[in-house]
Amino acid sequence: MNIQAVERLLFHPTKRAKNEAPAGAVNIDIPLADGVILGARFFSHAASSPTLIFFHGNTECVPEHDEIGPCYVAEGLNFLVIDYRGFGWSGDEPRLATLLPDAGTAFLYVKNWLAEHGYTGPLAVMGRSLGSACAIEVAARYGDDIRALVIESGFARALPVAQALGLEQEDLTDAEDPFANAAKIGGIGKPTLILHGSCDQLIGLWQAELLHERSAAKNKELQVVPGAGHNTVIEKGGRHYFTAIGNFVGKAAGTAPDWRARRRALKAGQAPQNGEPQS
């Protein structure tokens, strides 16, 4: 595979000057070993709440998540979105060679940042589209540090995505997958939620089905959003999109009651409380 050609098609960075974070959020600058800074933004729910660490798609940037950050907060989650090199106010230029290593470095940095700032809740990692590769990489390398993996509009195999983006046939000289999502997810046993649009023309539904099939998690779900394309999963899913993620992460983190807890509460004649022990 012609890496330079793939990079030209894959990365469409949106540059934004660093601006003031909205109410309830703070900016974070993540230093990399070569001196480059990655921008991130943290939306706070509570110190003990689960934190969802989010890697976005290939045309997005941190400030564009100011509207959806509060939607995760409304579901009881802290939400932390991270940019790539060349995106938002992050330095340098995006490259395939640095994408996954940077994701691991960024994860470790924000994990420590959260602890230093008194956020004691469990961690989950999520990736959308291109970000699915980063989330899967983090879950594969640092699985002991997370409670759940969430993938939205993600891919199992990179070559069909490159072809859909317009990679020329002569550039398909090397079939080696630079991400290996299908192989990596086979080693991830943490609860995994996969969301995908039924009408995704860029990353076909079969890719989500393959990720679900290959996942090593005992607790895994594939939720297909009817009528949704690659960039309209939130639009079509509406409030249910955030509720599904909030419920899944909350249960995996032990901060939301599962059906057994609800049944016990109903028998006892009382509403279940967050954090009720699960059997």
C-alpha atoms as a PDB file:
ATOM      1  CA  MET A   1       0.000   0.000   0.000  1.00  0.00           C
ATOM      2  CA  ASN A   2       1.301   3.456  -0.924  1.00  0.00           C
ATOM      3  CA  ILE A   3       1.410   5.131   2.493  1.00  0.00           C
ATOM      4  CA  GLN A   4       1.764   8.659   1.105  1.00  0.00           C
ATOM      5  CA  ALA A   5      -1.273   8.181  -1.116  1.00  0.00           C
ATOM      6  CA  VAL A   6      -3.273   6.779   1.787  1.00  0.00           C
ATOM      7  CA  GLU A   7      -2.316   9.724   3.998  1.00  0.00           C
ATOM      8  CA  ARG A   8      -3.477  12.219   1.363  1.00  0.00           C
ATOM      9  CA  LEU A   9      -6.872  10.534   1.227  1.00  0.00           C
ATOM     10  CA  LEU A  10      -7.229   9.634   4.880  1.00  0.00           C
ATOM     11  CA  PHE A  11      -6.332  12.842   6.698  1.00  0.00           C
ATOM     12  CA  HIS A  12      -8.324  16.027   6.145  1.00  0.00           C
ATOM     13  CA  PRO A  13      -7.300  18.078   9.168  1.00  0.00           C
ATOM     14  CA  THR A  14      -9.505  20.894  10.391  1.00  0.00           C
ATOM     15  CA  LYS A  15      -7.307  23.571  11.959  1.00  0.00           C
ATOM     16  CA  ARG A  16      -8.712  25.692  14.775  1.00  0.00           C
ATOM     17  CA  ALA A  17      -6.970  28.194  16.988  1.00  0.00           C
ATOM     18  CA  LYS A  18      -7.061  27.273  20.642  1.00  0.00           C
ATOM     19  CA  ASN A  19     -10.124  28.912  22.139  1.00  0.00           C
ATOM     20  CA  GLU A  20     -11.677  29.087  25.568  1.00  0.00           C
ATOM     21  CA  ALA A  21     -13.451  25.900  26.576  1.00  0.00           C
ATOM     22  CA  PRO A  22     -17.208  26.206  27.125  1.00  0.00           C
ATOM     23  CA  ALA A  23     -18.752  26.182  30.592  1.00  0.00           C
ATOM     24  CA  GLY A  24     -18.196  22.854  32.324  1.00  0.00           C
ATOM     25  CA  ALA A  25     -15.182  21.993  30.181  1.00  0.00           C
ATOM     26  CA  VAL A  26     -11.427  22.585  30.236  1.00  0.00           C
ATOM     27  CA  ASN A  27      -8.695  22.418  27.608  1.00  0.00           C
ATOM     28  CA  ILE A  28      -5.810  19.980  27.982  1.00  0.00           C
ATOM     29  CA  ASP A  29      -2.480  20.152  26.140  1.00  0.00           C
ATOM     30  CA  ILE A  30      -0.926  16.713  25.733  1.00  0.00           C
ATOM     31  CA  PRO A  31       2.883  16.771  25.234  1.00  0.00           C
ATOM     32  CA  LEU A  32       4.460  14.151  22.994  1.00  0.00           C
ATOM     33  CA  ALA A  33       8.048  12.956  23.194  1.00  0.00           C
ATOM     34  CA  ASP A  34       9.120  14.963  20.134  1.00  0.00           C
ATOM     35  CA  GLY A  35       7.773  18.209  21.588  1.00  0.00           C
ATOM     36  CA  VAL A  36       4.514  18.274  19.632  1.00  0.00           C
ATOM     37  CA  ILE A  37       1.362  19.198  21.548  1.00  0.00           C
ATOM     38  CA  LEU A  38      -1.990  17.480  21.006  1.00  0.00           C
ATOM     39  CA  GLY A  39      -5.103  19.410  21.944  1.00  0.00           C
ATOM     40  CA  ALA A  40      -7.879  17.860  24.021  1.00  0.00           C
ATOM     41  CA  ARG A  41     -11.007  19.024  25.816  1.00  0.00           C
ATOM     42  CA  PHE A  42     -12.604  17.555  28.936  1.00  0.00           C
ATOM     43  CA  PHE A  43     -16.298  17.852  29.797  1.00  0.00           C
ATOM     44  CA  SER A  44     -16.938  17.081  33.455  1.00  0.00           C
ATOM     45  CA  HIS A  45     -19.881  15.267  35.034  1.00  0.00           C
ATOM     46  CA  ALA A  46     -18.486  14.230  38.415  1.00  0.00           C
ATOM     47  CA  ALA A  47     -15.216  13.052  39.931  1.00  0.00           C
ATOM     48  CA  SER A  48     -16.511   9.521  40.484  1.00  0.00           C
ATOM     49  CA  SER A  49     -18.231   9.170  37.089  1.00  0.00           C
ATOM     50  CA  PRO A  50     -16.793   7.055  34.270  1.00  0.00           C
ATOM     51  CA  THR A  51     -14.698   8.980  31.751  1.00  0.00           C
ATOM     52  CA  LEU A  52     -15.174   8.247  28.051  1.00  0.00           C
ATOM     53  CA  ILE A  53     -11.943   9.010  26.162  1.00  0.00           C
ATOM     54  CA  PHE A  54     -12.865   9.739  22.558  1.00  0.00           C
ATOM     55  CA  PHE A  55     -10.935   9.646  19.262  1.00  0.00           C
ATOM     56  CA  HIS A  56     -12.804  11.374  16.423  1.00  0.00           C
ATOM     57  CA  GLY A  57     -13.067  10.987  12.649  1.00  0.00           C
ATOM     58  CA  ASN A  58     -10.697  12.137   9.922  1.00  0.00           C
ATOM     59  CA  THR A  59     -12.242  15.556   9.202  1.00  0.00           C
ATOM     60  CA  GLU A  60     -13.220  16.587  12.726  1.00  0.00           C
ATOM     61  CA  CYS A  61     -11.511  18.424  15.569  1.00  0.00           C
ATOM     62  CA  VAL A  62     -11.906  18.992  19.294  1.00  0.00           C
ATOM     63  CA  PRO A  63     -13.919  22.261  19.237  1.00  0.00           C
ATOM     64  CA  GLU A  64     -16.529  20.655  16.972  1.00  0.00           C
ATOM     65  CA  HIS A  65     -17.540  18.447  19.911  1.00  0.00           C
ATOM     66  CA  ASP A  66     -18.739  21.312  22.094  1.00  0.00           C
ATOM     67  CA  GLU A  67     -22.377  20.481  21.353  1.00  0.00           C
ATOM     68  CA  ILE A  68     -22.186  16.736  21.903  1.00  0.00           C
ATOM     69  CA  GLY A  69     -19.921  16.841  24.969  1.00  0.00           C
ATOM     70  CA  PRO A  70     -22.829  17.912  27.205  1.00  0.00           C
ATOM     71  CA  CYS A  71     -24.946  15.078  25.751  1.00  0.00           C
ATOM     72  CA  TYR A  72     -22.515  12.549  27.231  1.00  0.00           C
ATOM     73  CA  VAL A  73     -22.458  14.484  30.497  1.00  0.00           C
ATOM     74  CA  ALA A  74     -26.262  14.241  30.608  1.00  0.00           C
ATOM     75  CA  GLU A  75     -25.846  10.449  30.510  1.00  0.00           C
ATOM     76  CA  GLY A  76     -23.598  10.469  33.573  1.00  0.00           C
ATOM     77  CA  LEU A  77     -20.244  10.373  31.794  1.00  0.00           C
ATOM     78  CA  ASN A  78     -17.199  12.588  31.766  1.00  0.00           C
ATOM     79  CA  PHE A  79     -16.213  13.111  28.125  1.00  0.00           C
ATOM     80  CA  LEU A  80     -12.649  13.709  26.919  1.00  0.00           C
ATOM     81  CA  VAL A  81     -12.006  14.235  23.201  1.00  0.00           C
ATOM     82  CA  ILE A  82      -8.476  14.166  21.771  1.00  0.00           C
ATOM     83  CA  ASP A  83      -7.156  15.620  18.496  1.00  0.00           C
ATOM     84  CA  TYR A  84      -4.515  14.187  16.160  1.00  0.00           C
ATOM     85  CA  ARG A  85      -1.392  15.928  14.900  1.00  0.00           C
ATOM     86  CA  GLY A  86      -2.367  18.758  12.583  1.00  0.00           C
ATOM     87  CA  PHE A  87      -5.974  18.874  13.795  1.00  0.00           C
ATOM     88  CA  GLY A  88      -7.467  21.686  15.881  1.00  0.00           C
ATOM     89  CA  TRP A  89      -4.676  23.480  17.722  1.00  0.00           C
ATOM     90  CA  SER A  90      -2.389  20.423  17.667  1.00  0.00           C
ATOM     91  CA  GLY A  91       1.050  20.829  16.128  1.00  0.00           C
ATOM     92  CA  ASP A  92       2.822  19.060  13.264  1.00  0.00           C
ATOM     93  CA  GLU A  93       1.104  17.196  10.412  1.00  0.00           C
ATOM     94  CA  PRO A  94      -0.895  13.949  10.556  1.00  0.00           C
ATOM     95  CA  ARG A  95       0.927  10.769   9.594  1.00  0.00           C
ATOM     96  CA  LEU A  96       0.061   7.093   9.680  1.00  0.00           C
ATOM     97  CA  ALA A  97       3.356   6.305  11.410  1.00  0.00           C
ATOM     98  CA  THR A  98       2.515   8.469  14.433  1.00  0.00           C
ATOM     99  CA  LEU A  99      -1.262   8.015  14.675  1.00  0.00           C
ATOM    100  CA  LEU A 100      -1.388   4.881  16.826  1.00  0.00           C
ATOM    101  CA  PRO A 101       1.698   5.557  18.980  1.00  0.00           C
ATOM    102  CA  ASP A 102       0.309   9.028  19.706  1.00  0.00           C
ATOM    103  CA  ALA A 103      -3.005   7.501  20.766  1.00  0.00           C
ATOM    104  CA  GLY A 104      -1.234   5.385  23.373  1.00  0.00           C
ATOM    105  CA  THR A 105       0.810   8.324  24.634  1.00  0.00           C
ATOM    106  CA  ALA A 106      -2.277  10.531  24.816  1.00  0.00           C
ATOM    107  CA  PHE A 107      -4.225   7.887  26.706  1.00  0.00           C
ATOM    108  CA  LEU A 108      -1.536   7.497  29.357  1.00  0.00           C
ATOM    109  CA  TYR A 109      -1.231  11.256  29.732  1.00  0.00           C
ATOM    110  CA  VAL A 110      -4.952  11.896  30.212  1.00  0.00           C
ATOM    111  CA  LYS A 111      -5.223   8.904  32.528  1.00  0.00           C
ATOM    112  CA  ASN A 112      -2.639  10.543  34.797  1.00  0.00           C
ATOM    113  CA  TRP A 113      -4.194  13.993  34.319  1.00  0.00           C
ATOM    114  CA  LEU A 114      -7.556  12.696  35.503  1.00  0.00           C
ATOM    115  CA  ALA A 115      -6.032  11.099  38.594  1.00  0.00           C
ATOM    116  CA  GLU A 116      -4.080  14.260  39.424  1.00  0.00           C
ATOM    117  CA  HIS A 117      -7.269  16.320  39.193  1.00  0.00           C
ATOM    118  CA  GLY A 118      -9.261  14.033  41.468  1.00  0.00           C
ATOM    119  CA  TYR A 119     -11.230  12.084  38.862  1.00  0.00           C
ATOM    120  CA  THR A 120     -11.397   8.593  40.307  1.00  0.00           C
ATOM    121  CA  GLY A 121     -14.024   6.993  38.059  1.00  0.00           C
ATOM    122  CA  PRO A 122     -13.257   4.125  35.677  1.00  0.00           C
ATOM    123  CA  LEU A 123     -12.175   4.718  32.083  1.00  0.00           C
ATOM    124  CA  ALA A 124     -13.678   3.699  28.758  1.00  0.00           C
ATOM    125  CA  VAL A 125     -12.348   4.392  25.282  1.00  0.00           C
ATOM    126  CA  MET A 126     -14.322   5.195  22.125  1.00  0.00           C
ATOM    127  CA  GLY A 127     -13.424   5.803  18.506  1.00  0.00           C
ATOM    128  CA  ARG A 128     -15.453   7.013  15.539  1.00  0.00           C
ATOM    129  CA  SER A 129     -14.459   6.162  11.954  1.00  0.00           C
ATOM    130  CA  LEU A 130     -10.664   6.736  11.779  1.00  0.00           C
ATOM    131  CA  GLY A 131     -10.712   7.009  15.564  1.00  0.00           C
ATOM    132  CA  SER A 132     -11.826   3.388  15.815  1.00  0.00           C
ATOM    133  CA  ALA A 133      -8.234   2.377  15.025  1.00  0.00           C
ATOM    134  CA  CYS A 134      -6.953   4.536  17.891  1.00  0.00           C
ATOM    135  CA  ALA A 135      -9.539   3.221  20.341  1.00  0.00           C
ATOM    136  CA  ILE A 136      -8.833  -0.392  19.397  1.00  0.00           C
ATOM    137  CA  GLU A 137      -5.088   0.240  19.712  1.00  0.00           C
ATOM    138  CA  VAL A 138      -5.525   1.678  23.208  1.00  0.00           C
ATOM    139  CA  ALA A 139      -7.851  -1.138  24.276  1.00  0.00           C
ATOM    140  CA  ALA A 140      -5.393  -3.728  22.955  1.00  0.00           C
ATOM    141  CA  ARG A 141      -2.366  -2.179  24.683  1.00  0.00           C
ATOM    142  CA  TYR A 142      -3.925  -0.895  27.890  1.00  0.00           C
ATOM    143  CA  GLY A 143      -6.887  -3.193  28.418  1.00  0.00           C
ATOM    144  CA  ASP A 144      -6.241  -3.447  32.148  1.00  0.00           C
ATOM    145  CA  ASP A 145      -6.830   0.308  32.453  1.00  0.00           C
ATOM    146  CA  ILE A 146     -10.258   0.435  30.820  1.00  0.00           C
ATOM    147  CA  ARG A 147     -13.699  -1.019  31.483  1.00  0.00           C
ATOM    148  CA  ALA A 148     -15.253  -0.767  28.012  1.00  0.00           C
ATOM    149  CA  LEU A 149     -14.597  -0.176  24.317  1.00  0.00           C
ATOM    150  CA  VAL A 150     -17.075   1.676  22.093  1.00  0.00           C
ATOM    151  CA  ILE A 151     -16.759   1.838  18.297  1.00  0.00           C
ATOM    152  CA  GLU A 152     -18.930   3.983  16.028  1.00  0.00           C
ATOM    153  CA  SER A 153     -18.736   3.697  12.232  1.00  0.00           C
ATOM    154  CA  GLY A 154     -15.473   1.804  12.596  1.00  0.00           C
ATOM    155  CA  PHE A 155     -13.640  -0.564  10.286  1.00  0.00           C
ATOM    156  CA  ALA A 156     -12.174  -4.044  10.539  1.00  0.00           C
ATOM    157  CA  ARG A 157     -10.095  -3.832   7.363  1.00  0.00           C
ATOM    158  CA  ALA A 158      -8.431  -0.678   6.059  1.00  0.00           C
ATOM    159  CA  LEU A 159      -7.984  -1.556   2.384  1.00  0.00           C
ATOM    160  CA  PRO A 160     -11.695  -1.369   1.451  1.00  0.00           C
ATOM    161  CA  VAL A 161     -11.879   2.028   3.165  1.00  0.00           C
ATOM    162  CA  ALA A 162      -8.885   3.275   1.167  1.00  0.00           C
ATOM    163  CA  GLN A 163     -10.506   2.021  -2.027  1.00  0.00           C
ATOM    164  CA  ALA A 164     -13.801   3.736  -1.143  1.00  0.00           C
ATOM    165  CA  LEU A 165     -11.875   6.972  -0.584  1.00  0.00           C
ATOM    166  CA  GLY A 166     -10.457   6.715  -4.101  1.00  0.00           C
ATOM    167  CA  LEU A 167      -7.050   5.061  -3.750  1.00  0.00           C
ATOM    168  CA  GLU A 168      -5.766   4.197  -7.219  1.00  0.00           C
ATOM    169  CA  GLN A 169      -5.205   0.572  -8.134  1.00  0.00           C
ATOM    170  CA  GLU A 170      -1.467   1.111  -8.683  1.00  0.00           C
ATOM    171  CA  ASP A 171      -1.180   2.290  -5.088  1.00  0.00           C
ATOM    172  CA  LEU A 172      -2.556  -1.011  -3.789  1.00  0.00           C
ATOM    173  CA  THR A 173       0.789  -2.752  -4.106  1.00  0.00           C
ATOM    174  CA  ASP A 174       1.033  -3.883  -0.502  1.00  0.00           C
ATOM    175  CA  ALA A 175      -1.967  -5.527   1.123  1.00  0.00           C
ATOM    176  CA  GLU A 176      -0.534  -5.117   4.624  1.00  0.00           C
ATOM    177  CA  ASP A 177      -3.093  -3.400   6.849  1.00  0.00           C
ATOM    178  CA  PRO A 178      -1.476  -0.519   8.789  1.00  0.00           C
ATOM    179  CA  PHE A 179      -4.147  -0.772  11.507  1.00  0.00           C
ATOM    180  CA  ALA A 180      -5.000  -4.496  11.834  1.00  0.00           C
ATOM    181  CA  ASN A 181      -8.246  -3.743  13.667  1.00  0.00           C
ATOM    182  CA  ALA A 182      -9.758  -7.156  12.950  1.00  0.00           C
ATOM    183  CA  ALA A 183      -6.752  -8.931  14.447  1.00  0.00           C
ATOM    184  CA  LYS A 184      -6.388  -6.628  17.451  1.00  0.00           C
ATOM    185  CA  ILE A 185     -10.018  -6.812  18.511  1.00  0.00           C
ATOM    186  CA  GLY A 186      -9.595 -10.566  18.719  1.00  0.00           C
ATOM    187  CA  GLY A 187      -7.424  -9.975  21.774  1.00  0.00           C
ATOM    188  CA  ILE A 188      -9.717  -7.492  23.521  1.00  0.00           C
ATOM    189  CA  GLY A 189     -11.955  -9.044  26.146  1.00  0.00           C
ATOM    190  CA  LYS A 190     -13.432  -5.909  27.690  1.00  0.00           C
ATOM    191  CA  PRO A 191     -17.147  -5.186  27.102  1.00  0.00           C
ATOM    192  CA  THR A 192     -17.485  -3.860  23.569  1.00  0.00           C
ATOM    193  CA  LEU A 193     -20.280  -1.821  21.974  1.00  0.00           C
ATOM    194  CA  ILE A 194     -20.297  -1.347  18.202  1.00  0.00           C
ATOM    195  CA  LEU A 195     -22.605   1.220  16.583  1.00  0.00           C
ATOM    196  CA  HIS A 196     -23.002   1.490  12.810  1.00  0.00           C
ATOM    197  CA  GLY A 197     -25.350   2.997  10.255  1.00  0.00           C
ATOM    198  CA  SER A 198     -27.318   0.598   8.085  1.00  0.00           C
ATOM    199  CA  CYS A 199     -26.674   2.781   5.015  1.00  0.00           C
ATOM    200  CA  ASP A 200     -22.980   3.571   5.508  1.00  0.00           C
ATOM    201  CA  GLN A 201     -21.520   3.804   2.003  1.00  0.00           C
ATOM    202  CA  LEU A 202     -17.944   4.545   3.094  1.00  0.00           C
ATOM    203  CA  ILE A 203     -17.445   1.833   5.699  1.00  0.00           C
ATOM    204  CA  GLY A 204     -19.972  -0.878   4.960  1.00  0.00           C
ATOM    205  CA  LEU A 205     -22.020  -2.528   7.683  1.00  0.00           C
ATOM    206  CA  TRP A 206     -20.131  -5.759   7.024  1.00  0.00           C
ATOM    207  CA  GLN A 207     -17.075  -4.140   8.625  1.00  0.00           C
ATOM    208  CA  ALA A 208     -18.961  -3.643  11.895  1.00  0.00           C
ATOM    209  CA  GLU A 209     -20.287  -7.189  11.686  1.00  0.00           C
ATOM    210  CA  LEU A 210     -16.738  -8.492  11.227  1.00  0.00           C
ATOM    211  CA  LEU A 211     -15.489  -6.497  14.223  1.00  0.00           C
ATOM    212  CA  HIS A 212     -18.326  -7.923  16.297  1.00  0.00           C
ATOM    213  CA  GLU A 213     -17.582 -11.449  15.093  1.00  0.00           C
ATOM    214  CA  ARG A 214     -13.843 -11.177  15.794  1.00  0.00           C
ATOM    215  CA  SER A 215     -14.222  -9.468  19.187  1.00  0.00           C
ATOM    216  CA  ALA A 216     -13.028 -11.593  22.096  1.00  0.00           C
ATOM    217  CA  ALA A 217     -15.424  -9.885  24.510  1.00  0.00           C
ATOM    218  CA  LYS A 218     -18.046 -12.038  26.190  1.00  0.00           C
ATOM    219  CA  ASN A 219     -20.167  -8.931  26.624  1.00  0.00           C
ATOM    220  CA  LYS A 220     -20.423  -7.440  23.143  1.00  0.00           C
ATOM    221  CA  GLU A 221     -23.214  -5.683  21.271  1.00  0.00           C
ATOM    222  CA  LEU A 222     -23.732  -4.570  17.693  1.00  0.00           C
ATOM    223  CA  GLN A 223     -26.385  -1.874  17.370  1.00  0.00           C
ATOM    224  CA  VAL A 224     -27.351  -0.913  13.824  1.00  0.00           C
ATOM    225  CA  VAL A 225     -28.918   2.522  13.353  1.00  0.00           C
ATOM    226  CA  PRO A 226     -31.597   2.266  10.628  1.00  0.00           C
ATOM    227  CA  GLY A 227     -31.219   4.694   7.745  1.00  0.00           C
ATOM    228  CA  ALA A 228     -27.957   6.165   9.022  1.00  0.00           C
ATOM    229  CA  GLY A 229     -25.015   6.853   6.747  1.00  0.00           C
ATOM    230  CA  HIS A 230     -21.390   7.259   7.740  1.00  0.00           C
ATOM    231  CA  ASN A 231     -21.825  10.751   9.158  1.00  0.00           C
ATOM    232  CA  THR A 232     -25.462  10.635  10.291  1.00  0.00           C
ATOM    233  CA  VAL A 233     -25.470   8.039  13.059  1.00  0.00           C
ATOM    234  CA  ILE A 234     -26.024  10.665  15.760  1.00  0.00           C
ATOM    235  CA  GLU A 235     -28.609  12.485  13.636  1.00  0.00           C
ATOM    236  CA  LYS A 236     -30.622   9.313  13.022  1.00  0.00           C
ATOM    237  CA  GLY A 237     -30.073   7.841  16.469  1.00  0.00           C
ATOM    238  CA  GLY A 238     -30.884  11.040  18.331  1.00  0.00           C
ATOM    239  CA  ARG A 239     -31.020  10.899  22.101  1.00  0.00           C
ATOM    240  CA  HIS A 240     -30.995   7.084  21.958  1.00  0.00           C
ATOM    241  CA  TYR A 241     -27.415   7.207  20.643  1.00  0.00           C
ATOM    242  CA  PHE A 242     -26.088   8.823  23.810  1.00  0.00           C
ATOM    243  CA  THR A 243     -28.356   6.797  26.080  1.00  0.00           C
ATOM    244  CA  ALA A 244     -27.116   3.533  24.551  1.00  0.00           C
ATOM    245  CA  ILE A 245     -23.495   4.539  25.101  1.00  0.00           C
ATOM    246  CA  GLY A 246     -24.153   5.884  28.594  1.00  0.00           C
ATOM    247  CA  ASN A 247     -25.987   2.734  29.665  1.00  0.00           C
ATOM    248  CA  PHE A 248     -23.380   0.393  28.198  1.00  0.00           C
ATOM    249  CA  VAL A 249     -20.411   2.204  29.715  1.00  0.00           C
ATOM    250  CA  GLY A 250     -22.205   2.655  33.035  1.00  0.00           C
ATOM    251  CA  LYS A 251     -22.951  -1.048  33.321  1.00  0.00           C
ATOM    252  CA  ALA A 252     -19.429  -2.042  32.300  1.00  0.00           C
ATOM    253  CA  ALA A 253     -18.022   0.421  34.821  1.00  0.00           C
ATOM    254  CA  GLY A 254     -20.325  -0.750  37.597  1.00  0.00           C
ATOM    255  CA  THR A 255     -21.940   2.661  38.023  1.00  0.00           C
ATOM    256  CA  ALA A 256     -25.321   1.787  36.504  1.00  0.00           C
ATOM    257  CA  PRO A 257     -27.596  -1.064  37.631  1.00  0.00           C
ATOM    258  CA  ASP A 258     -28.071  -3.977  35.258  1.00  0.00           C
ATOM    259  CA  TRP A 259     -31.335  -5.882  34.851  1.00  0.00           C
ATOM    260  CA  ARG A 260     -30.610  -8.010  37.929  1.00  0.00           C
ATOM    261  CA  ALA A 261     -30.240  -4.900  40.057  1.00  0.00           C
ATOM    262  CA  ARG A 262     -33.440  -3.444  38.627  1.00  0.00           C
ATOM    263  CA  ARG A 263     -35.294  -6.688  39.345  1.00  0.00           C
ATOM    264  CA  ARG A 264     -34.052  -6.761  42.931  1.00  0.00           C
ATOM    265  CA  ALA A 265     -35.094  -3.139  43.352  1.00  0.00           C
ATOM    266  CA  LEU A 266     -38.555  -3.813  41.958  1.00  0.00           C
ATOM    267  CA  LYS A 267     -39.003  -6.748  44.316  1.00  0.00           C
ATOM    268  CA  ALA A 268     -37.903  -4.543  47.180  1.00  0.00           C
ATOM    269  CA  GLY A 269     -40.308  -1.828  46.053  1.00  0.00           C
ATOM    270  CA  GLN A 270     -37.660   0.806  45.464  1.00  0.00           C
ATOM    271  CA  ALA A 271     -35.843   2.382  42.525  1.00  0.00           C
ATOM    272  CA  PRO A 272     -32.300   1.113  41.911  1.00  0.00           C
ATOM    273  CA  GLN A 273     -29.467   3.452  42.792  1.00  0.00           C
ATOM    274  CA  ASN A 274     -26.371   4.115  40.726  1.00  0.00           C
ATOM    275  CA  GLY A 275     -23.472   2.037  41.869  1.00  0.00           C
ATOM    276  CA  GLU A 276     -25.683  -0.725  43.310  1.00  0.00           C
ATOM    277  CA  PRO A 277     -23.640  -3.930  43.421  1.00  0.00           C
ATOM    278  CA  GLN A 278     -24.216  -6.239  40.480  1.00  0.00           C
ATOM    279  CA  SER A 279     -24.315  -9.988  40.678  1.00  0.00           C
END
